[in-house]
């Protein structure tokens, strides 16, 4: 069985070093038009692959010693009619830099940036969880939503 605390610590490092890092993260555009971000540290490897744009969807997989041990799938979108999509994703990236070490699914439960409010509601632990994140404008109007689900894989051998 995988050490859940080590997995959580690794996920925090990996996520902060990839999508949450913004433009400094190395992105690979694949032949199938998806984007891949990879982070490695010792025996651990994080692989995030997504499609989109608007809307977007993808999956994260963590490997330990070359074997998959964790997966999370996600799907999100900026609400139609929102003019400044880049500002929405700037808020999302800000929230994702504050990923909680004990629940490293997405961002914290609440986060504010430039008047926008990020809200993350989830259930479960690292081995089996699901959640939804929302961003509201300064006026309180929903401007973004994403859903995610994940947990450990291939633990019973």
Protein backbone atom coordinates (compact mmCIF):
# COMPACT_ATOMS: atom_id res chain seq x y z
CA UNK A 1 0.00 0.00 0.00
CA UNK A 2 1.29 3.45 -0.89
CA UNK A 3 2.26 5.91 1.87
CA UNK A 4 -0.60 8.45 1.70
CA UNK A 5 1.35 11.21 3.48
CA UNK A 6 4.23 10.93 1.02
CA UNK A 7 1.75 10.95 -1.88
CA UNK A 8 0.11 14.12 -0.53
CA UNK A 9 3.45 15.89 -0.11
CA UNK A 10 4.52 14.89 -3.61
CA UNK A 11 1.21 16.07 -5.12
CA UNK A 12 1.62 19.50 -3.53
CA UNK A 13 5.12 19.87 -5.03
CA UNK A 14 4.04 18.53 -8.40
CA UNK A 15 0.93 20.69 -8.75
CA UNK A 16 2.73 23.85 -7.63
CA UNK A 17 5.45 23.12 -10.22
CA UNK A 18 3.10 22.49 -13.15
CA UNK A 19 -0.25 24.17 -13.94
CA UNK A 20 -0.26 26.39 -10.83
CA UNK A 21 3.18 27.72 -11.84
CA UNK A 22 1.63 29.41 -14.88
CA UNK A 23 3.78 30.26 -17.89
CA UNK A 24 7.01 29.02 -16.30
CA UNK A 25 5.73 25.41 -16.34
CA UNK A 26 6.99 23.34 -19.24
CA UNK A 27 4.07 22.27 -21.40
CA UNK A 28 4.19 19.66 -24.14
CA UNK A 29 1.59 19.95 -26.90
CA UNK A 30 0.86 16.40 -28.02
CA UNK A 31 0.02 15.16 -31.53
CA UNK A 32 -3.60 14.65 -30.41
CA UNK A 33 -3.75 18.40 -29.49
CA UNK A 34 -3.76 17.74 -25.74
CA UNK A 35 -1.28 19.38 -23.37
CA UNK A 36 0.93 17.46 -20.97
CA UNK A 37 2.77 18.65 -17.86
CA UNK A 38 5.24 16.35 -16.10
CA UNK A 39 7.00 16.60 -12.74
CA UNK A 40 9.44 14.04 -11.33
CA UNK A 41 11.08 13.75 -7.91
CA UNK A 42 12.96 10.59 -6.94
CA UNK A 43 10.70 7.53 -7.26
CA UNK A 44 7.67 9.76 -7.95
CA UNK A 45 6.33 11.00 -11.29
CA UNK A 46 3.30 13.24 -11.92
CA UNK A 47 1.66 13.34 -15.34
CA UNK A 48 -1.13 15.85 -16.07
CA UNK A 49 -2.74 15.65 -19.52
CA UNK A 50 -5.68 17.83 -20.61
CA UNK A 51 -7.70 18.93 -23.62
CA UNK A 52 -9.01 22.48 -24.03
CA UNK A 53 -9.51 25.48 -23.87
CA UNK A 54 -13.04 26.18 -23.20
CA UNK A 55 -14.30 23.96 -21.78
CA UNK A 56 -11.42 21.72 -20.70
CA UNK A 57 -10.99 18.21 -19.31
CA UNK A 58 -8.13 15.99 -18.30
CA UNK A 59 -6.51 13.68 -15.85
CA UNK A 60 -3.60 13.53 -13.46
CA UNK A 61 -1.74 10.30 -12.75
CA UNK A 62 0.96 9.73 -10.14
CA UNK A 63 3.43 6.91 -10.56
CA UNK A 64 5.59 5.47 -7.79
CA UNK A 65 8.57 3.43 -8.94
CA UNK A 66 7.04 3.31 -12.42
CA UNK A 67 3.64 2.00 -11.30
CA UNK A 68 0.42 4.07 -11.33
CA UNK A 69 -0.85 4.66 -7.78
CA UNK A 70 -3.22 7.67 -8.07
CA UNK A 71 -5.55 9.26 -10.59
CA UNK A 72 -7.78 12.31 -10.68
CA UNK A 73 -10.03 13.27 -13.60
CA UNK A 74 -11.46 16.76 -14.01
CA UNK A 75 -13.74 18.83 -16.25
CA UNK A 76 -14.25 22.59 -16.07
CA UNK A 77 -15.43 25.69 -17.89
CA UNK A 78 -15.75 29.45 -17.74
CA UNK A 79 -19.43 30.41 -17.80
CA UNK A 80 -20.54 31.49 -21.26
CA UNK A 81 -20.61 35.27 -21.66
CA UNK A 82 -17.66 35.96 -19.32
CA UNK A 83 -15.49 38.46 -21.18
CA UNK A 84 -12.11 38.16 -19.45
CA UNK A 85 -11.40 34.43 -19.42
CA UNK A 86 -7.69 35.00 -18.66
CA UNK A 87 -8.55 36.77 -15.38
CA UNK A 88 -10.68 33.79 -14.34
CA UNK A 89 -7.77 31.41 -14.93
CA UNK A 90 -5.40 33.80 -13.14
CA UNK A 91 -7.64 33.47 -10.06
CA UNK A 92 -7.71 29.69 -10.48
CA UNK A 93 -3.92 29.51 -10.69
CA UNK A 94 -3.64 31.66 -7.58
CA UNK A 95 -5.91 29.27 -5.69
CA UNK A 96 -4.01 26.23 -6.92
CA UNK A 97 -0.73 27.59 -5.53
CA UNK A 98 -2.33 27.24 -2.07
CA UNK A 99 -3.14 23.53 -2.41
CA UNK A 100 -3.72 22.05 1.07
CA UNK A 101 -1.16 19.42 2.09
CA UNK A 102 -3.77 17.21 3.74
CA UNK A 103 -6.29 17.42 0.85
CA UNK A 104 -4.19 18.03 -2.29
CA UNK A 105 -7.05 17.68 -4.76
CA UNK A 106 -7.32 21.25 -6.09
CA UNK A 107 -7.10 24.55 -4.18
CA UNK A 108 -8.07 25.53 -0.62
CA UNK A 109 -11.70 25.65 0.54
CA UNK A 110 -11.79 29.45 0.00
CA UNK A 111 -9.53 31.98 -1.68
CA UNK A 112 -9.99 35.57 -2.89
CA UNK A 113 -8.05 37.47 -5.53
CA UNK A 114 -8.82 40.87 -7.05
CA UNK A 115 -12.41 40.68 -5.80
CA UNK A 116 -13.06 37.21 -7.23
CA UNK A 117 -13.85 34.38 -4.83
CA UNK A 118 -12.73 30.76 -5.31
CA UNK A 119 -14.74 28.11 -3.45
CA UNK A 120 -13.76 24.42 -3.33
CA UNK A 121 -16.20 21.89 -1.84
CA UNK A 122 -15.05 18.27 -1.57
CA UNK A 123 -15.60 15.00 0.25
CA UNK A 124 -13.24 12.14 0.98
CA UNK A 125 -9.56 11.56 1.50
CA UNK A 126 -6.64 11.10 -0.90
CA UNK A 127 -7.58 7.46 -1.47
CA UNK A 128 -11.16 8.25 -2.69
CA UNK A 129 -12.57 11.76 -3.16
CA UNK A 130 -14.70 14.05 -5.31
CA UNK A 131 -15.33 17.75 -5.42
CA UNK A 132 -16.34 20.88 -7.23
CA UNK A 133 -14.73 24.30 -7.47
CA UNK A 134 -16.46 27.56 -8.33
CA UNK A 135 -15.21 31.08 -8.94
CA UNK A 136 -17.54 34.02 -8.37
CA UNK A 137 -16.99 37.55 -9.61
CA UNK A 138 -16.70 40.54 -7.27
CA UNK A 139 -20.47 40.97 -7.82
CA UNK A 140 -21.11 37.42 -6.56
CA UNK A 141 -21.96 35.99 -9.99
CA UNK A 142 -20.65 32.51 -10.87
CA UNK A 143 -18.02 32.79 -13.62
CA UNK A 144 -16.29 29.38 -13.47
CA UNK A 145 -17.04 25.80 -12.41
CA UNK A 146 -15.12 22.51 -12.44
CA UNK A 147 -15.76 19.00 -11.13
CA UNK A 148 -13.21 16.39 -10.17
CA UNK A 149 -12.98 12.85 -8.81
CA UNK A 150 -10.09 10.57 -7.92
CA UNK A 151 -8.16 8.39 -5.56
CA UNK A 152 -5.72 5.54 -5.31
CA UNK A 153 -5.46 2.90 -8.05
CA UNK A 154 -3.99 -0.60 -8.24
CA UNK A 155 -3.46 -1.06 -4.49
CA UNK A 156 -4.64 -4.68 -4.10
CA UNK A 157 -2.14 -7.06 -5.64
